[in-house]
Amino acid sequence: MHTQVAATLIDIEAELRTLSLWENEAPDEAALSSTQPFAVDTLTLPQWLQWIFIPTMRRLVTEQEPLPAKCGIVPMAEEYFRGQGLPIQGLLDALEDVDRLLCGESPDYSTHPDPRAN
């Protein structure tokens, strides 16, 4: 499962870059130190994904540490992006994949073919 999660993290990063939501400079240390879920008090959701979620998950994968038993990012992403008019389906699909993997379910590639399958 660690390999699948690592591949999905690459997909999430790629989608954030495609949407021009990937930043070159990290937020300040105070913003990154939030204790709120998704750091909602200091970061946008894309910032949280880039600067907290992806690095944390990459570390867990690299060190073969236990992964979280559940995630639930998709509802937060749907709410965050509501009404913004961005083409976010690819990002939502990648987030759904990671949510399913961490819950112990297989990603549903019938609605979005897995590009890694080729």
C-alpha atoms as a PDB file:
ATOM      1  CA  MET A   1       0.000   0.000   0.000  1.00  0.00           C
ATOM      2  CA  HIS A   2       2.908   2.386   0.654  1.00  0.00           C
ATOM      3  CA  THR A   3       3.807   2.291  -3.044  1.00  0.00           C
ATOM      4  CA  GLN A   4       0.237   3.123  -4.067  1.00  0.00           C
ATOM      5  CA  VAL A   5       0.101   6.015  -1.615  1.00  0.00           C
ATOM      6  CA  ALA A   6       3.437   7.335  -2.924  1.00  0.00           C
ATOM      7  CA  ALA A   7       2.121   7.249  -6.497  1.00  0.00           C
ATOM      8  CA  THR A   8      -1.069   9.026  -5.459  1.00  0.00           C
ATOM      9  CA  LEU A   9       0.948  11.762  -3.728  1.00  0.00           C
ATOM     10  CA  ILE A  10       2.683  12.365  -7.057  1.00  0.00           C
ATOM     11  CA  ASP A  11      -0.760  12.676  -8.666  1.00  0.00           C
ATOM     12  CA  ILE A  12      -1.889  15.198  -6.046  1.00  0.00           C
ATOM     13  CA  GLU A  13       1.231  17.298  -6.582  1.00  0.00           C
ATOM     14  CA  ALA A  14       0.782  17.150 -10.362  1.00  0.00           C
ATOM     15  CA  GLU A  15      -2.837  18.290 -10.082  1.00  0.00           C
ATOM     16  CA  LEU A  16      -1.906  21.183  -7.792  1.00  0.00           C
ATOM     17  CA  ARG A  17       0.764  22.232 -10.293  1.00  0.00           C
ATOM     18  CA  THR A  18      -1.706  21.957 -13.204  1.00  0.00           C
ATOM     19  CA  LEU A  19      -4.107  24.217 -11.318  1.00  0.00           C
ATOM     20  CA  SER A  20      -1.265  26.687 -10.588  1.00  0.00           C
ATOM     21  CA  LEU A  21      -1.788  26.126  -6.868  1.00  0.00           C
ATOM     22  CA  TRP A  22       1.756  24.879  -6.159  1.00  0.00           C
ATOM     23  CA  GLU A  23       3.811  27.539  -4.384  1.00  0.00           C
ATOM     24  CA  ASN A  24       7.541  28.191  -4.600  1.00  0.00           C
ATOM     25  CA  GLU A  25       7.904  29.583  -1.085  1.00  0.00           C
ATOM     26  CA  ALA A  26       6.755  27.953   2.120  1.00  0.00           C
ATOM     27  CA  PRO A  27       4.476  29.823   4.503  1.00  0.00           C
ATOM     28  CA  ASP A  28       6.138  31.068   7.679  1.00  0.00           C
ATOM     29  CA  GLU A  29       6.782  28.684  10.556  1.00  0.00           C
ATOM     30  CA  ALA A  30       3.840  30.008  12.583  1.00  0.00           C
ATOM     31  CA  ALA A  31       1.418  29.178   9.759  1.00  0.00           C
ATOM     32  CA  LEU A  32       2.874  25.675   9.451  1.00  0.00           C
ATOM     33  CA  SER A  33       2.584  25.097  13.208  1.00  0.00           C
ATOM     34  CA  SER A  34      -1.214  25.269  13.357  1.00  0.00           C
ATOM     35  CA  THR A  35      -2.906  22.634  15.485  1.00  0.00           C
ATOM     36  CA  GLN A  36      -6.278  23.023  13.746  1.00  0.00           C
ATOM     37  CA  PRO A  37      -7.472  20.286  11.356  1.00  0.00           C
ATOM     38  CA  PHE A  38      -6.177  21.052   7.853  1.00  0.00           C
ATOM     39  CA  ALA A  39      -4.517  24.148   9.428  1.00  0.00           C
ATOM     40  CA  VAL A  40      -7.703  26.020   8.486  1.00  0.00           C
ATOM     41  CA  ASP A  41      -6.721  28.957  10.658  1.00  0.00           C
ATOM     42  CA  THR A  42      -3.402  29.618   8.898  1.00  0.00           C
ATOM     43  CA  LEU A  43      -3.253  27.866   5.492  1.00  0.00           C
ATOM     44  CA  THR A  44      -5.398  27.392   2.421  1.00  0.00           C
ATOM     45  CA  LEU A  45      -6.228  23.790   1.573  1.00  0.00           C
ATOM     46  CA  PRO A  46      -3.721  23.711  -1.316  1.00  0.00           C
ATOM     47  CA  GLN A  47      -1.031  25.055   1.041  1.00  0.00           C
ATOM     48  CA  TRP A  48      -1.889  22.408   3.629  1.00  0.00           C
ATOM     49  CA  LEU A  49      -1.659  19.694   0.984  1.00  0.00           C
ATOM     50  CA  GLN A  50       1.693  20.986  -0.291  1.00  0.00           C
ATOM     51  CA  TRP A  51       3.445  21.922   2.939  1.00  0.00           C
ATOM     52  CA  ILE A  52       1.982  19.530   5.531  1.00  0.00           C
ATOM     53  CA  PHE A  53       0.079  16.577   4.066  1.00  0.00           C
ATOM     54  CA  ILE A  54       2.337  15.565   1.162  1.00  0.00           C
ATOM     55  CA  PRO A  55       5.643  15.899   3.099  1.00  0.00           C
ATOM     56  CA  THR A  56       4.225  14.040   6.101  1.00  0.00           C
ATOM     57  CA  MET A  57       2.865  11.220   3.975  1.00  0.00           C
ATOM     58  CA  ARG A  58       6.094  11.003   1.950  1.00  0.00           C
ATOM     59  CA  ARG A  59       8.071  10.657   5.172  1.00  0.00           C
ATOM     60  CA  LEU A  60       5.763   7.887   6.407  1.00  0.00           C
ATOM     61  CA  VAL A  61       6.033   6.086   3.069  1.00  0.00           C
ATOM     62  CA  THR A  62       9.816   6.457   2.835  1.00  0.00           C
ATOM     63  CA  GLU A  63      10.346   5.262   6.395  1.00  0.00           C
ATOM     64  CA  GLN A  64       7.745   2.493   5.968  1.00  0.00           C
ATOM     65  CA  GLU A  65       5.903   3.852   9.011  1.00  0.00           C
ATOM     66  CA  PRO A  66       2.265   2.986   9.675  1.00  0.00           C
ATOM     67  CA  LEU A  67      -0.089   5.116   7.609  1.00  0.00           C
ATOM     68  CA  PRO A  68      -3.168   6.833   9.036  1.00  0.00           C
ATOM     69  CA  ALA A  69      -6.208   4.558   9.174  1.00  0.00           C
ATOM     70  CA  LYS A  70      -8.432   7.170   7.543  1.00  0.00           C
ATOM     71  CA  CYS A  71      -8.127  10.516   5.897  1.00  0.00           C
ATOM     72  CA  GLY A  72     -11.277  12.225   4.613  1.00  0.00           C
ATOM     73  CA  ILE A  73      -9.774  15.035   2.545  1.00  0.00           C
ATOM     74  CA  VAL A  74     -12.339  14.947  -0.272  1.00  0.00           C
ATOM     75  CA  PRO A  75     -15.230  16.606   1.630  1.00  0.00           C
ATOM     76  CA  MET A  76     -12.896  19.392   2.751  1.00  0.00           C
ATOM     77  CA  ALA A  77     -11.618  19.872  -0.813  1.00  0.00           C
ATOM     78  CA  GLU A  78     -15.130  19.932  -2.264  1.00  0.00           C
ATOM     79  CA  GLU A  79     -16.133  22.620   0.217  1.00  0.00           C
ATOM     80  CA  TYR A  80     -12.931  24.638  -0.239  1.00  0.00           C
ATOM     81  CA  PHE A  81     -13.184  24.720  -4.045  1.00  0.00           C
ATOM     82  CA  ARG A  82     -16.977  25.196  -4.225  1.00  0.00           C
ATOM     83  CA  GLY A  83     -17.813  28.071  -6.552  1.00  0.00           C
ATOM     84  CA  GLN A  84     -14.217  28.768  -7.590  1.00  0.00           C
ATOM     85  CA  GLY A  85     -14.749  27.543 -11.153  1.00  0.00           C
ATOM     86  CA  LEU A  86     -11.488  25.608 -11.247  1.00  0.00           C
ATOM     87  CA  PRO A  87     -11.233  22.288 -13.122  1.00  0.00           C
ATOM     88  CA  ILE A  88     -10.583  20.291  -9.946  1.00  0.00           C
ATOM     89  CA  GLN A  89     -11.935  16.857 -10.869  1.00  0.00           C
ATOM     90  CA  GLY A  90      -8.441  15.408 -11.350  1.00  0.00           C
ATOM     91  CA  LEU A  91      -7.401  16.686  -7.924  1.00  0.00           C
ATOM     92  CA  LEU A  92     -10.583  15.344  -6.324  1.00  0.00           C
ATOM     93  CA  ASP A  93      -9.965  11.964  -7.974  1.00  0.00           C
ATOM     94  CA  ALA A  94      -6.408  11.813  -6.599  1.00  0.00           C
ATOM     95  CA  LEU A  95      -7.592  12.861  -3.136  1.00  0.00           C
ATOM     96  CA  GLU A  96     -10.333  10.239  -3.275  1.00  0.00           C
ATOM     97  CA  ASP A  97      -7.706   7.641  -4.150  1.00  0.00           C
ATOM     98  CA  VAL A  98      -5.612   8.522  -1.108  1.00  0.00           C
ATOM     99  CA  ASP A  99      -8.712   8.587   1.108  1.00  0.00           C
ATOM    100  CA  ARG A 100      -9.673   5.092  -0.081  1.00  0.00           C
ATOM    101  CA  LEU A 101      -6.151   3.714   0.244  1.00  0.00           C
ATOM    102  CA  LEU A 102      -5.830   4.939   3.809  1.00  0.00           C
ATOM    103  CA  CYS A 103      -9.214   3.480   4.691  1.00  0.00           C
ATOM    104  CA  GLY A 104      -8.067   0.121   3.340  1.00  0.00           C
ATOM    105  CA  GLU A 105     -10.260   0.262   0.241  1.00  0.00           C
ATOM    106  CA  SER A 106      -9.131  -0.084  -3.339  1.00  0.00           C
ATOM    107  CA  PRO A 107      -9.353   3.120  -5.371  1.00  0.00           C
ATOM    108  CA  ASP A 108     -12.235   3.135  -7.834  1.00  0.00           C
ATOM    109  CA  TYR A 109     -10.455   3.524 -11.144  1.00  0.00           C
ATOM    110  CA  SER A 110     -13.652   2.862 -13.105  1.00  0.00           C
ATOM    111  CA  THR A 111     -14.550   6.556 -12.857  1.00  0.00           C
ATOM    112  CA  HIS A 112     -10.997   7.752 -13.535  1.00  0.00           C
ATOM    113  CA  PRO A 113      -8.567   5.314 -15.119  1.00  0.00           C
ATOM    114  CA  ASP A 114      -5.325   4.883 -13.264  1.00  0.00           C
ATOM    115  CA  PRO A 115      -2.550   6.322 -15.469  1.00  0.00           C
ATOM    116  CA  ARG A 116      -0.042   4.182 -13.576  1.00  0.00           C
ATOM    117  CA  ALA A 117      -1.745   1.032 -14.897  1.00  0.00           C
ATOM    118  CA  ASN A 118      -0.147   1.444 -18.339  1.00  0.00           C
END
